[in-house]
N, C-alpha and C. Protein backbone atom coordinates (compact mmCIF):
# COMPACT_ATOMS: atom_id res chain seq x y z
N MET A 1 0.85 -1.19 0.00
CA MET A 1 0.00 0.00 0.00
C MET A 1 0.89 1.25 0.00
N THR A 2 0.62 2.13 -0.93
CA THR A 2 1.43 3.34 -1.07
C THR A 2 0.89 4.46 -0.17
N THR A 3 1.64 5.55 -0.14
CA THR A 3 1.19 6.71 0.65
C THR A 3 -0.09 7.30 0.09
N ARG A 4 -0.22 7.28 -1.24
CA ARG A 4 -1.45 7.80 -1.86
C ARG A 4 -2.66 6.97 -1.45
N ASP A 5 -2.49 5.66 -1.34
CA ASP A 5 -3.61 4.81 -0.91
C ASP A 5 -4.01 5.11 0.53
N ILE A 6 -3.01 5.34 1.38
CA ILE A 6 -3.31 5.64 2.78
C ILE A 6 -4.04 6.98 2.91
N VAL A 7 -3.58 7.98 2.16
CA VAL A 7 -4.23 9.29 2.21
C VAL A 7 -5.65 9.20 1.66
N PHE A 8 -5.83 8.47 0.58
CA PHE A 8 -7.17 8.32 0.00
C PHE A 8 -8.11 7.59 0.97
N SER A 9 -7.62 6.57 1.65
CA SER A 9 -8.44 5.85 2.62
C SER A 9 -8.83 6.75 3.80
N ALA A 10 -7.87 7.56 4.26
CA ALA A 10 -8.17 8.46 5.37
C ALA A 10 -9.19 9.52 4.97
N VAL A 11 -9.02 10.09 3.79
CA VAL A 11 -9.96 11.11 3.32
C VAL A 11 -11.34 10.50 3.09
N GLY A 12 -11.39 9.28 2.56
CA GLY A 12 -12.67 8.61 2.37
C GLY A 12 -13.37 8.31 3.68
N ALA A 13 -12.60 7.91 4.70
CA ALA A 13 -13.20 7.65 6.01
C ALA A 13 -13.76 8.93 6.62
N ILE A 14 -13.03 10.04 6.50
CA ILE A 14 -13.54 11.32 7.01
C ILE A 14 -14.81 11.73 6.26
N THR A 15 -14.83 11.52 4.96
CA THR A 15 -16.02 11.87 4.17
C THR A 15 -17.23 11.06 4.62
N ALA A 16 -17.06 9.76 4.79
CA ALA A 16 -18.18 8.91 5.18
C ALA A 16 -18.65 9.22 6.60
N LEU A 17 -17.72 9.44 7.51
CA LEU A 17 -18.09 9.72 8.90
C LEU A 17 -18.81 11.06 9.03
N SER A 18 -18.31 12.10 8.37
CA SER A 18 -18.96 13.40 8.44
C SER A 18 -20.33 13.38 7.75
N ALA A 19 -20.48 12.61 6.67
CA ALA A 19 -21.79 12.48 6.04
C ALA A 19 -22.77 11.77 6.97
N LEU A 20 -22.31 10.77 7.69
CA LEU A 20 -23.17 10.08 8.64
C LEU A 20 -23.58 11.00 9.78
N LEU A 21 -22.65 11.80 10.29
CA LEU A 21 -22.98 12.76 11.34
C LEU A 21 -23.92 13.85 10.83
N SER A 22 -23.81 14.19 9.56
CA SER A 22 -24.66 15.23 9.01
C SER A 22 -26.13 14.82 8.99
N VAL A 23 -26.41 13.54 8.77
CA VAL A 23 -27.80 13.10 8.69
C VAL A 23 -28.32 12.56 10.02
N THR A 24 -27.47 12.40 11.02
CA THR A 24 -27.92 11.88 12.31
C THR A 24 -28.01 12.94 13.40
N THR A 25 -27.35 14.09 13.23
CA THR A 25 -27.43 15.11 14.25
C THR A 25 -28.81 15.77 14.24
N LYS A 26 -29.24 16.27 15.40
CA LYS A 26 -30.54 16.92 15.53
C LYS A 26 -30.43 18.44 15.50
N HIS A 27 -29.25 18.96 15.31
CA HIS A 27 -29.03 20.40 15.23
C HIS A 27 -28.79 20.76 13.77
N VAL A 28 -29.62 21.65 13.24
CA VAL A 28 -29.58 21.92 11.80
C VAL A 28 -28.26 22.58 11.41
N VAL A 29 -27.77 23.51 12.21
CA VAL A 29 -26.51 24.18 11.89
C VAL A 29 -25.36 23.19 11.94
N HIS A 30 -25.37 22.30 12.92
CA HIS A 30 -24.34 21.27 12.98
C HIS A 30 -24.39 20.36 11.75
N ALA A 31 -25.60 20.05 11.29
CA ALA A 31 -25.74 19.23 10.08
C ALA A 31 -25.12 19.94 8.88
N ALA A 32 -25.36 21.25 8.75
CA ALA A 32 -24.77 21.99 7.63
C ALA A 32 -23.25 22.02 7.73
N LEU A 33 -22.71 22.16 8.93
CA LEU A 33 -21.26 22.18 9.10
C LEU A 33 -20.64 20.82 8.81
N TRP A 34 -21.30 19.74 9.25
CA TRP A 34 -20.79 18.41 8.92
C TRP A 34 -20.87 18.16 7.43
N LEU A 35 -21.91 18.69 6.77
CA LEU A 35 -21.99 18.58 5.32
C LEU A 35 -20.83 19.32 4.66
N LEU A 36 -20.45 20.46 5.23
CA LEU A 36 -19.29 21.19 4.73
C LEU A 36 -18.02 20.35 4.82
N VAL A 37 -17.84 19.66 5.94
CA VAL A 37 -16.66 18.80 6.11
C VAL A 37 -16.69 17.65 5.11
N SER A 38 -17.88 17.06 4.92
CA SER A 38 -17.99 15.93 4.00
C SER A 38 -17.67 16.33 2.57
N LEU A 39 -18.23 17.45 2.11
CA LEU A 39 -17.97 17.89 0.73
C LEU A 39 -16.52 18.32 0.55
N GLY A 40 -15.94 18.95 1.56
CA GLY A 40 -14.53 19.33 1.47
C GLY A 40 -13.62 18.12 1.43
N SER A 41 -13.94 17.09 2.22
CA SER A 41 -13.14 15.86 2.18
C SER A 41 -13.27 15.15 0.84
N LEU A 42 -14.48 15.21 0.26
CA LEU A 42 -14.66 14.61 -1.06
C LEU A 42 -13.82 15.33 -2.12
N ALA A 43 -13.71 16.65 -1.99
CA ALA A 43 -12.82 17.38 -2.90
C ALA A 43 -11.37 16.95 -2.71
N GLY A 44 -10.97 16.67 -1.47
CA GLY A 44 -9.63 16.14 -1.23
C GLY A 44 -9.42 14.78 -1.87
N ALA A 45 -10.47 13.95 -1.89
CA ALA A 45 -10.35 12.65 -2.56
C ALA A 45 -10.13 12.82 -4.06
N TYR A 46 -10.82 13.80 -4.65
CA TYR A 46 -10.60 14.07 -6.08
C TYR A 46 -9.17 14.54 -6.34
N LEU A 47 -8.64 15.35 -5.43
CA LEU A 47 -7.27 15.82 -5.61
C LEU A 47 -6.26 14.68 -5.50
N VAL A 48 -6.52 13.74 -4.59
CA VAL A 48 -5.62 12.60 -4.45
C VAL A 48 -5.64 11.74 -5.72
N LEU A 49 -6.81 11.64 -6.36
CA LEU A 49 -6.92 10.87 -7.59
C LEU A 49 -6.36 11.58 -8.80
N GLY A 50 -5.92 12.82 -8.63
CA GLY A 50 -5.32 13.54 -9.73
C GLY A 50 -6.28 14.36 -10.56
N GLN A 51 -7.53 14.52 -10.13
CA GLN A 51 -8.52 15.31 -10.86
C GLN A 51 -8.66 16.67 -10.18
N GLU A 52 -7.72 17.56 -10.47
CA GLU A 52 -7.70 18.85 -9.80
C GLU A 52 -8.91 19.71 -10.16
N LEU A 53 -9.32 19.66 -11.42
CA LEU A 53 -10.44 20.49 -11.85
C LEU A 53 -11.73 20.09 -11.14
N VAL A 54 -11.97 18.78 -11.05
CA VAL A 54 -13.18 18.32 -10.36
C VAL A 54 -13.14 18.70 -8.89
N GLY A 55 -11.97 18.59 -8.26
CA GLY A 55 -11.85 18.99 -6.86
C GLY A 55 -12.09 20.46 -6.65
N LEU A 56 -11.55 21.30 -7.55
CA LEU A 56 -11.77 22.74 -7.41
C LEU A 56 -13.23 23.12 -7.66
N VAL A 57 -13.87 22.46 -8.63
CA VAL A 57 -15.29 22.71 -8.86
C VAL A 57 -16.11 22.26 -7.65
N GLN A 58 -15.72 21.17 -7.05
CA GLN A 58 -16.39 20.70 -5.83
C GLN A 58 -16.30 21.75 -4.73
N LEU A 59 -15.13 22.35 -4.56
CA LEU A 59 -14.97 23.38 -3.53
C LEU A 59 -15.75 24.64 -3.87
N LEU A 60 -15.72 25.07 -5.13
CA LEU A 60 -16.38 26.32 -5.50
C LEU A 60 -17.89 26.20 -5.48
N VAL A 61 -18.42 25.11 -6.04
CA VAL A 61 -19.86 24.98 -6.21
C VAL A 61 -20.52 24.49 -4.94
N TYR A 62 -20.06 23.36 -4.41
CA TYR A 62 -20.75 22.75 -3.29
C TYR A 62 -20.35 23.38 -1.96
N VAL A 63 -19.05 23.47 -1.70
CA VAL A 63 -18.60 24.02 -0.43
C VAL A 63 -18.82 25.53 -0.38
N GLY A 64 -18.49 26.23 -1.48
CA GLY A 64 -18.59 27.68 -1.46
C GLY A 64 -19.95 28.24 -1.77
N ALA A 65 -20.87 27.45 -2.31
CA ALA A 65 -22.18 27.98 -2.68
C ALA A 65 -23.33 27.24 -2.01
N ILE A 66 -23.36 25.91 -2.12
CA ILE A 66 -24.50 25.16 -1.62
C ILE A 66 -24.60 25.24 -0.09
N VAL A 67 -23.50 25.00 0.61
CA VAL A 67 -23.54 25.03 2.07
C VAL A 67 -23.82 26.44 2.57
N VAL A 68 -23.23 27.46 1.93
CA VAL A 68 -23.52 28.84 2.30
C VAL A 68 -24.99 29.17 2.06
N LEU A 69 -25.55 28.64 0.97
CA LEU A 69 -26.97 28.86 0.69
C LEU A 69 -27.85 28.20 1.75
N VAL A 70 -27.47 27.02 2.21
CA VAL A 70 -28.22 26.35 3.27
C VAL A 70 -28.20 27.17 4.56
N LEU A 71 -27.02 27.63 4.95
CA LEU A 71 -26.92 28.47 6.15
C LEU A 71 -27.68 29.77 5.99
N PHE A 72 -27.65 30.35 4.80
CA PHE A 72 -28.38 31.59 4.54
C PHE A 72 -29.88 31.35 4.64
N ALA A 73 -30.37 30.21 4.14
CA ALA A 73 -31.79 29.89 4.24
C ALA A 73 -32.20 29.68 5.70
N LEU A 74 -31.34 29.07 6.50
CA LEU A 74 -31.65 28.90 7.91
C LEU A 74 -31.78 30.24 8.62
N MET A 75 -30.91 31.18 8.27
CA MET A 75 -31.00 32.50 8.90
C MET A 75 -32.24 33.26 8.45
N LEU A 76 -32.67 33.07 7.21
CA LEU A 76 -33.84 33.80 6.71
C LEU A 76 -35.14 33.25 7.29
N THR A 77 -35.26 31.93 7.37
CA THR A 77 -36.52 31.34 7.81
C THR A 77 -36.72 31.45 9.32
N ARG A 78 -35.65 31.59 10.08
CA ARG A 78 -35.73 31.64 11.54
C ARG A 78 -36.43 30.41 12.10
N ALA A 79 -36.19 29.27 11.49
CA ALA A 79 -36.78 28.02 11.95
C ALA A 79 -36.03 27.53 13.18
N PRO A 80 -36.65 26.66 13.98
CA PRO A 80 -35.93 26.09 15.13
C PRO A 80 -34.74 25.26 14.67
N ILE A 81 -33.57 25.57 15.19
CA ILE A 81 -32.36 24.92 14.71
C ILE A 81 -31.89 23.82 15.65
N GLY A 82 -32.47 23.73 16.83
CA GLY A 82 -32.08 22.69 17.76
C GLY A 82 -33.10 21.57 17.80
N PRO A 83 -32.92 20.61 18.69
CA PRO A 83 -33.90 19.53 18.83
C PRO A 83 -35.27 20.09 19.24
N HIS A 84 -36.32 19.62 18.57
CA HIS A 84 -37.67 20.11 18.84
C HIS A 84 -38.60 18.91 18.85
N ALA A 85 -39.45 18.82 19.88
CA ALA A 85 -40.31 17.65 20.02
C ALA A 85 -41.36 17.56 18.93
N GLU A 86 -41.83 18.71 18.43
CA GLU A 86 -42.91 18.70 17.45
C GLU A 86 -42.44 18.25 16.07
N ILE A 87 -41.19 18.46 15.73
CA ILE A 87 -40.69 18.10 14.40
C ILE A 87 -39.74 16.91 14.45
N ASP A 88 -39.56 16.31 15.60
CA ASP A 88 -38.67 15.17 15.71
C ASP A 88 -39.35 13.92 15.16
N THR A 89 -38.60 13.09 14.45
CA THR A 89 -39.15 11.87 13.86
C THR A 89 -39.19 10.76 14.89
N PRO A 90 -40.19 9.89 14.83
CA PRO A 90 -40.23 8.77 15.78
C PRO A 90 -39.12 7.77 15.52
N TRP A 91 -38.92 6.90 16.49
CA TRP A 91 -37.79 5.98 16.41
C TRP A 91 -37.94 4.98 15.27
N TRP A 92 -39.18 4.58 14.96
CA TRP A 92 -39.35 3.57 13.92
C TRP A 92 -39.02 4.13 12.54
N GLN A 93 -39.23 5.44 12.34
CA GLN A 93 -38.84 6.04 11.07
C GLN A 93 -37.32 6.10 10.93
N ARG A 94 -36.63 6.39 12.03
CA ARG A 94 -35.17 6.40 11.97
C ARG A 94 -34.61 5.00 11.70
N VAL A 95 -35.22 3.98 12.33
CA VAL A 95 -34.77 2.61 12.08
C VAL A 95 -35.04 2.21 10.64
N ALA A 96 -36.23 2.57 10.12
CA ALA A 96 -36.56 2.24 8.73
C ALA A 96 -35.62 2.95 7.76
N GLY A 97 -35.29 4.21 8.04
CA GLY A 97 -34.35 4.93 7.20
C GLY A 97 -32.96 4.33 7.22
N ALA A 98 -32.51 3.88 8.40
CA ALA A 98 -31.20 3.25 8.50
C ALA A 98 -31.16 1.93 7.75
N LEU A 99 -32.22 1.14 7.86
CA LEU A 99 -32.27 -0.13 7.13
C LEU A 99 -32.33 0.09 5.63
N LEU A 100 -33.10 1.10 5.20
CA LEU A 100 -33.17 1.38 3.77
C LEU A 100 -31.83 1.87 3.23
N GLY A 101 -31.14 2.73 3.98
CA GLY A 101 -29.82 3.19 3.56
C GLY A 101 -28.81 2.06 3.51
N ALA A 102 -28.85 1.15 4.49
CA ALA A 102 -27.92 0.02 4.49
C ALA A 102 -28.21 -0.91 3.31
N ALA A 103 -29.50 -1.12 3.01
CA ALA A 103 -29.85 -1.99 1.88
C ALA A 103 -29.41 -1.36 0.56
N THR A 104 -29.58 -0.05 0.42
CA THR A 104 -29.14 0.62 -0.81
C THR A 104 -27.63 0.56 -0.96
N THR A 105 -26.91 0.75 0.15
CA THR A 105 -25.44 0.65 0.10
C THR A 105 -24.98 -0.74 -0.29
N ALA A 106 -25.62 -1.75 0.28
CA ALA A 106 -25.25 -3.13 -0.07
C ALA A 106 -25.55 -3.44 -1.53
N LEU A 107 -26.68 -2.93 -2.03
CA LEU A 107 -27.03 -3.18 -3.44
C LEU A 107 -26.03 -2.51 -4.39
N LEU A 108 -25.69 -1.25 -4.11
CA LEU A 108 -24.72 -0.56 -4.96
C LEU A 108 -23.34 -1.21 -4.89
N ALA A 109 -22.95 -1.64 -3.68
CA ALA A 109 -21.65 -2.29 -3.55
C ALA A 109 -21.60 -3.61 -4.30
N SER A 110 -22.69 -4.38 -4.26
CA SER A 110 -22.72 -5.66 -4.96
C SER A 110 -22.70 -5.49 -6.47
N LEU A 111 -23.19 -4.35 -6.96
CA LEU A 111 -23.21 -4.11 -8.39
C LEU A 111 -21.93 -3.46 -8.90
N LEU A 112 -21.39 -2.50 -8.14
CA LEU A 112 -20.27 -1.70 -8.63
C LEU A 112 -18.91 -2.31 -8.33
N LEU A 113 -18.77 -2.95 -7.18
CA LEU A 113 -17.46 -3.48 -6.83
C LEU A 113 -16.99 -4.57 -7.80
N PRO A 114 -17.82 -5.54 -8.18
CA PRO A 114 -17.33 -6.50 -9.19
C PRO A 114 -17.05 -5.85 -10.54
N PHE A 115 -17.79 -4.79 -10.87
CA PHE A 115 -17.61 -4.15 -12.17
C PHE A 115 -16.27 -3.43 -12.26
N PHE A 116 -15.85 -2.79 -11.14
CA PHE A 116 -14.60 -2.04 -11.14
C PHE A 116 -13.47 -2.77 -10.44
N SER A 117 -13.63 -4.04 -10.14
CA SER A 117 -12.59 -4.76 -9.40
C SER A 117 -11.31 -4.91 -10.21
N GLY A 118 -11.42 -5.10 -11.51
CA GLY A 118 -10.23 -5.28 -12.33
C GLY A 118 -9.74 -4.03 -13.02
N ALA A 119 -10.36 -2.89 -12.73
CA ALA A 119 -9.97 -1.64 -13.40
C ALA A 119 -8.71 -1.07 -12.74
N THR A 120 -7.81 -0.55 -13.56
CA THR A 120 -6.58 0.07 -13.07
C THR A 120 -6.43 1.44 -13.73
N ALA A 121 -5.71 2.30 -13.05
CA ALA A 121 -5.47 3.65 -13.57
C ALA A 121 -4.06 4.06 -13.19
N ASP A 122 -3.36 4.63 -14.12
CA ASP A 122 -2.01 5.13 -13.90
C ASP A 122 -2.12 6.61 -13.55
N LEU A 123 -2.03 6.92 -12.26
CA LEU A 123 -2.20 8.30 -11.80
C LEU A 123 -0.97 9.16 -12.10
N ASP A 124 0.17 8.52 -12.34
CA ASP A 124 1.37 9.29 -12.64
C ASP A 124 1.43 9.73 -14.10
N ARG A 125 0.84 8.96 -14.98
CA ARG A 125 0.82 9.29 -16.41
C ARG A 125 -0.64 9.28 -16.88
N ARG A 126 -1.26 10.41 -16.80
CA ARG A 126 -2.66 10.50 -17.18
C ARG A 126 -2.82 11.66 -18.16
N PRO A 127 -3.68 11.54 -19.13
CA PRO A 127 -3.96 12.66 -20.03
C PRO A 127 -4.77 13.73 -19.30
N SER A 128 -4.34 14.96 -19.36
CA SER A 128 -5.03 16.05 -18.69
C SER A 128 -6.20 16.52 -19.53
N ALA A 129 -7.41 16.42 -18.97
CA ALA A 129 -8.62 16.85 -19.67
C ALA A 129 -9.06 18.24 -19.23
N THR A 130 -8.25 18.92 -18.42
CA THR A 130 -8.66 20.24 -17.92
C THR A 130 -8.84 21.26 -19.04
N PRO A 131 -7.93 21.36 -20.02
CA PRO A 131 -8.18 22.34 -21.10
C PRO A 131 -9.43 22.04 -21.91
N GLN A 132 -9.70 20.76 -22.18
CA GLN A 132 -10.90 20.41 -22.93
C GLN A 132 -12.17 20.75 -22.17
N ILE A 133 -12.19 20.45 -20.86
CA ILE A 133 -13.37 20.76 -20.05
C ILE A 133 -13.57 22.27 -19.94
N ALA A 134 -12.48 23.01 -19.73
CA ALA A 134 -12.58 24.46 -19.63
C ALA A 134 -13.07 25.08 -20.94
N GLU A 135 -12.60 24.54 -22.05
CA GLU A 135 -13.05 25.06 -23.34
C GLU A 135 -14.53 24.77 -23.58
N ALA A 136 -15.00 23.59 -23.12
CA ALA A 136 -16.41 23.26 -23.30
C ALA A 136 -17.31 24.10 -22.40
N VAL A 137 -16.87 24.34 -21.15
CA VAL A 137 -17.71 25.10 -20.22
C VAL A 137 -17.74 26.58 -20.58
N PHE A 138 -16.57 27.16 -20.81
CA PHE A 138 -16.49 28.61 -21.06
C PHE A 138 -16.48 28.96 -22.55
N GLY A 139 -16.66 27.98 -23.41
CA GLY A 139 -16.76 28.25 -24.84
C GLY A 139 -18.12 27.89 -25.38
N THR A 140 -18.41 26.60 -25.41
CA THR A 140 -19.68 26.14 -25.97
C THR A 140 -20.86 26.44 -25.06
N TRP A 141 -20.68 26.22 -23.74
CA TRP A 141 -21.78 26.34 -22.79
C TRP A 141 -21.64 27.59 -21.92
N VAL A 142 -21.03 28.64 -22.43
CA VAL A 142 -20.82 29.82 -21.59
C VAL A 142 -22.13 30.56 -21.33
N TRP A 143 -23.04 30.63 -22.33
CA TRP A 143 -24.29 31.37 -22.12
C TRP A 143 -25.23 30.65 -21.16
N PRO A 144 -25.44 29.34 -21.25
CA PRO A 144 -26.22 28.67 -20.19
C PRO A 144 -25.59 28.82 -18.81
N PHE A 145 -24.26 28.83 -18.76
CA PHE A 145 -23.58 29.01 -17.48
C PHE A 145 -23.88 30.38 -16.88
N GLU A 146 -23.83 31.42 -17.71
CA GLU A 146 -24.10 32.77 -17.23
C GLU A 146 -25.58 32.95 -16.89
N LEU A 147 -26.47 32.35 -17.67
CA LEU A 147 -27.90 32.46 -17.37
C LEU A 147 -28.23 31.77 -16.05
N LEU A 148 -27.56 30.68 -15.76
CA LEU A 148 -27.77 30.01 -14.47
C LEU A 148 -27.28 30.89 -13.33
N SER A 149 -26.18 31.59 -13.53
CA SER A 149 -25.69 32.51 -12.50
C SER A 149 -26.69 33.65 -12.25
N VAL A 150 -27.27 34.19 -13.33
CA VAL A 150 -28.28 35.25 -13.18
C VAL A 150 -29.52 34.72 -12.47
N LEU A 151 -29.92 33.49 -12.79
CA LEU A 151 -31.08 32.90 -12.13
C LEU A 151 -30.86 32.76 -10.63
N LEU A 152 -29.70 32.29 -10.24
CA LEU A 152 -29.39 32.18 -8.82
C LEU A 152 -29.35 33.54 -8.14
N LEU A 153 -28.85 34.56 -8.82
CA LEU A 153 -28.82 35.90 -8.26
C LEU A 153 -30.24 36.44 -8.07
N VAL A 154 -31.11 36.22 -9.04
CA VAL A 154 -32.50 36.66 -8.92
C VAL A 154 -33.20 35.95 -7.76
N ALA A 155 -32.95 34.66 -7.61
CA ALA A 155 -33.54 33.91 -6.49
C ALA A 155 -33.05 34.45 -5.16
N LEU A 156 -31.78 34.82 -5.06
CA LEU A 156 -31.24 35.37 -3.83
C LEU A 156 -31.87 36.72 -3.50
N ILE A 157 -32.01 37.58 -4.51
CA ILE A 157 -32.64 38.89 -4.29
C ILE A 157 -34.11 38.72 -3.92
N GLY A 158 -34.81 37.77 -4.56
CA GLY A 158 -36.20 37.51 -4.21
C GLY A 158 -36.34 37.02 -2.79
N ALA A 159 -35.40 36.19 -2.31
CA ALA A 159 -35.46 35.74 -0.92
C ALA A 159 -35.30 36.90 0.04
N PHE A 160 -34.38 37.84 -0.28
CA PHE A 160 -34.24 39.05 0.54
C PHE A 160 -35.54 39.84 0.58
N ALA A 161 -36.16 40.04 -0.60
CA ALA A 161 -37.37 40.85 -0.66
C ALA A 161 -38.52 40.20 0.11
N VAL A 162 -38.69 38.89 -0.03
CA VAL A 162 -39.77 38.21 0.67
C VAL A 162 -39.55 38.25 2.18
N SER A 163 -38.32 38.06 2.61
CA SER A 163 -38.04 38.09 4.05
C SER A 163 -38.30 39.47 4.63
N ARG A 164 -37.93 40.52 3.93
CA ARG A 164 -38.18 41.87 4.43
C ARG A 164 -39.68 42.19 4.44
N LEU A 165 -40.42 41.68 3.44
CA LEU A 165 -41.86 41.92 3.39
C LEU A 165 -42.56 41.23 4.54
N VAL A 166 -42.19 39.98 4.81
CA VAL A 166 -42.82 39.23 5.90
C VAL A 166 -42.48 39.85 7.25
N LEU A 167 -41.22 40.24 7.45
CA LEU A 167 -40.83 40.86 8.71
C LEU A 167 -41.50 42.22 8.88
N GLY A 168 -41.69 42.96 7.77
CA GLY A 168 -42.36 44.25 7.87
C GLY A 168 -43.82 44.11 8.24
N GLU A 169 -44.48 43.04 7.79
CA GLU A 169 -45.89 42.85 8.14
C GLU A 169 -46.06 42.35 9.56
N ARG A 170 -45.12 41.54 10.02
CA ARG A 170 -45.25 40.95 11.36
C ARG A 170 -44.62 41.80 12.44
N GLY A 171 -43.81 42.78 12.06
CA GLY A 171 -43.10 43.56 13.06
C GLY A 171 -43.99 44.31 14.02
N PRO A 172 -44.92 45.20 13.55
CA PRO A 172 -45.76 45.94 14.48
C PRO A 172 -46.64 45.04 15.34
N GLN A 173 -47.17 43.95 14.78
CA GLN A 173 -48.01 43.07 15.57
C GLN A 173 -47.24 42.42 16.70
N SER A 174 -46.00 42.00 16.39
CA SER A 174 -45.20 41.37 17.43
C SER A 174 -44.83 42.36 18.52
N VAL A 175 -44.58 43.63 18.15
CA VAL A 175 -44.28 44.64 19.15
C VAL A 175 -45.48 44.90 20.04
N VAL A 176 -46.68 44.99 19.44
CA VAL A 176 -47.89 45.23 20.22
C VAL A 176 -48.16 44.07 21.16
N ALA A 177 -47.99 42.85 20.67
CA ALA A 177 -48.20 41.69 21.53
C ALA A 177 -47.21 41.66 22.68
N ALA A 178 -45.96 42.00 22.41
CA ALA A 178 -44.96 42.02 23.48
C ALA A 178 -45.28 43.08 24.51
N ARG A 179 -45.74 44.26 24.07
CA ARG A 179 -46.09 45.30 25.02
C ARG A 179 -47.29 44.92 25.86
N ARG A 180 -48.26 44.22 25.25
CA ARG A 180 -49.41 43.79 26.04
C ARG A 180 -49.00 42.78 27.10
N VAL A 181 -48.06 41.91 26.76
CA VAL A 181 -47.58 40.94 27.76
C VAL A 181 -46.86 41.66 28.89
N VAL A 182 -46.02 42.65 28.53
CA VAL A 182 -45.29 43.39 29.56
C VAL A 182 -46.23 44.20 30.42
N ASP A 183 -47.25 44.83 29.80
CA ASP A 183 -48.18 45.67 30.53
C ASP A 183 -49.24 44.88 31.26
N GLY A 184 -49.23 43.56 31.16
CA GLY A 184 -50.21 42.77 31.88
C GLY A 184 -51.58 42.76 31.24
N GLY A 185 -51.64 42.86 29.90
CA GLY A 185 -52.92 42.78 29.22
C GLY A 185 -53.56 44.11 28.98
N ARG A 186 -52.91 45.24 29.31
CA ARG A 186 -53.50 46.55 29.06
C ARG A 186 -53.41 46.88 27.58
N PRO A 187 -54.17 47.82 27.10
CA PRO A 187 -54.09 48.21 25.69
C PRO A 187 -52.70 48.68 25.35
N ALA A 188 -52.38 48.60 24.05
CA ALA A 188 -51.04 48.95 23.60
C ALA A 188 -50.76 50.41 23.86
N GLY A 189 -49.57 50.68 24.31
CA GLY A 189 -49.17 52.04 24.59
C GLY A 189 -47.71 52.04 24.94
N ASP A 190 -47.29 53.04 25.66
CA ASP A 190 -45.89 53.10 26.08
C ASP A 190 -45.69 52.14 27.23
N ALA A 191 -44.78 51.15 27.01
CA ALA A 191 -44.55 50.14 28.04
C ALA A 191 -43.98 50.75 29.29
N GLY A 192 -43.29 51.88 29.19
CA GLY A 192 -42.68 52.49 30.36
C GLY A 192 -43.63 53.39 31.14
N THR A 193 -44.83 53.71 30.60
CA THR A 193 -45.78 54.58 31.29
C THR A 193 -46.56 53.78 32.29
N PRO A 194 -46.59 54.19 33.55
CA PRO A 194 -47.35 53.42 34.54
C PRO A 194 -48.84 53.56 34.30
N ALA A 195 -49.57 52.56 34.75
CA ALA A 195 -51.02 52.58 34.57
C ALA A 195 -51.64 53.66 35.44
N ALA A 196 -52.71 54.25 34.94
CA ALA A 196 -53.39 55.31 35.68
C ALA A 196 -54.09 54.75 36.90
N ALA A 197 -54.10 55.53 38.01
CA ALA A 197 -54.73 55.07 39.24
C ALA A 197 -56.23 55.07 39.07
N PRO A 198 -56.95 54.11 39.65
CA PRO A 198 -58.42 54.07 39.51
C PRO A 198 -59.05 55.26 40.22
N ALA A 199 -60.20 55.68 39.70
CA ALA A 199 -60.90 56.83 40.29
C ALA A 199 -61.45 56.46 41.64
N PRO A 200 -61.37 57.38 42.62
CA PRO A 200 -61.88 57.08 43.96
C PRO A 200 -63.40 56.91 43.95
N THR A 201 -63.87 56.05 44.81
CA THR A 201 -65.31 55.82 44.93
C THR A 201 -65.94 56.91 45.75
N ALA A 202 -67.25 56.85 45.83
CA ALA A 202 -67.98 57.89 46.59
C ALA A 202 -67.61 57.84 48.05
N GLY A 203 -67.43 56.65 48.63
CA GLY A 203 -67.08 56.52 50.04
C GLY A 203 -65.69 57.07 50.31
N GLU A 204 -64.75 56.86 49.36
CA GLU A 204 -63.40 57.37 49.57
C GLU A 204 -63.37 58.89 49.48
N ARG A 205 -64.22 59.49 48.59
CA ARG A 205 -64.26 60.93 48.53
C ARG A 205 -64.83 61.53 49.79
N ALA A 206 -65.82 60.81 50.39
CA ALA A 206 -66.41 61.32 51.62
C ALA A 206 -65.40 61.24 52.75
């Protein structure tokens, strides 16, 4: 076993472990961070195999865009990010999901491992396809690439606009409700103004 094999095995183990932690943790932000580790380790596996372009695209697209988009969506929605009893899945669903994932893994391994068992690759002498891929992406497919970038930008601006609209509609109501709670159920007003004293009765005036 060479040094490259050891590094590839270590990177693959980190990728698999972080992916498993990403789908088993109950904290949404932790899941996004473990996904970041998994995708970054997968880019390292591509680099070990000698595919620098694929590894850099993995870092730019998935690590630099997808994970950031997930974190950005979490901040916009203000959803509960920790364990919550109302949205937690029951134990039987988790067991069924684990069994289904294990069965899918076993099926793919039984099909792919015999198919690639005799395949070999010379990583020291390989034809570089980076110029051909770059020419195809930024030459033939440059306009679809740019249109996709504009589409993502429009979606991002629309998310900003919708979030500001929703917060603008809910803002005054939430402030009024908070003031009523602070004032003990009195009508909305200045929370710092003390309540007016009740008018004296006829007996007290006498």
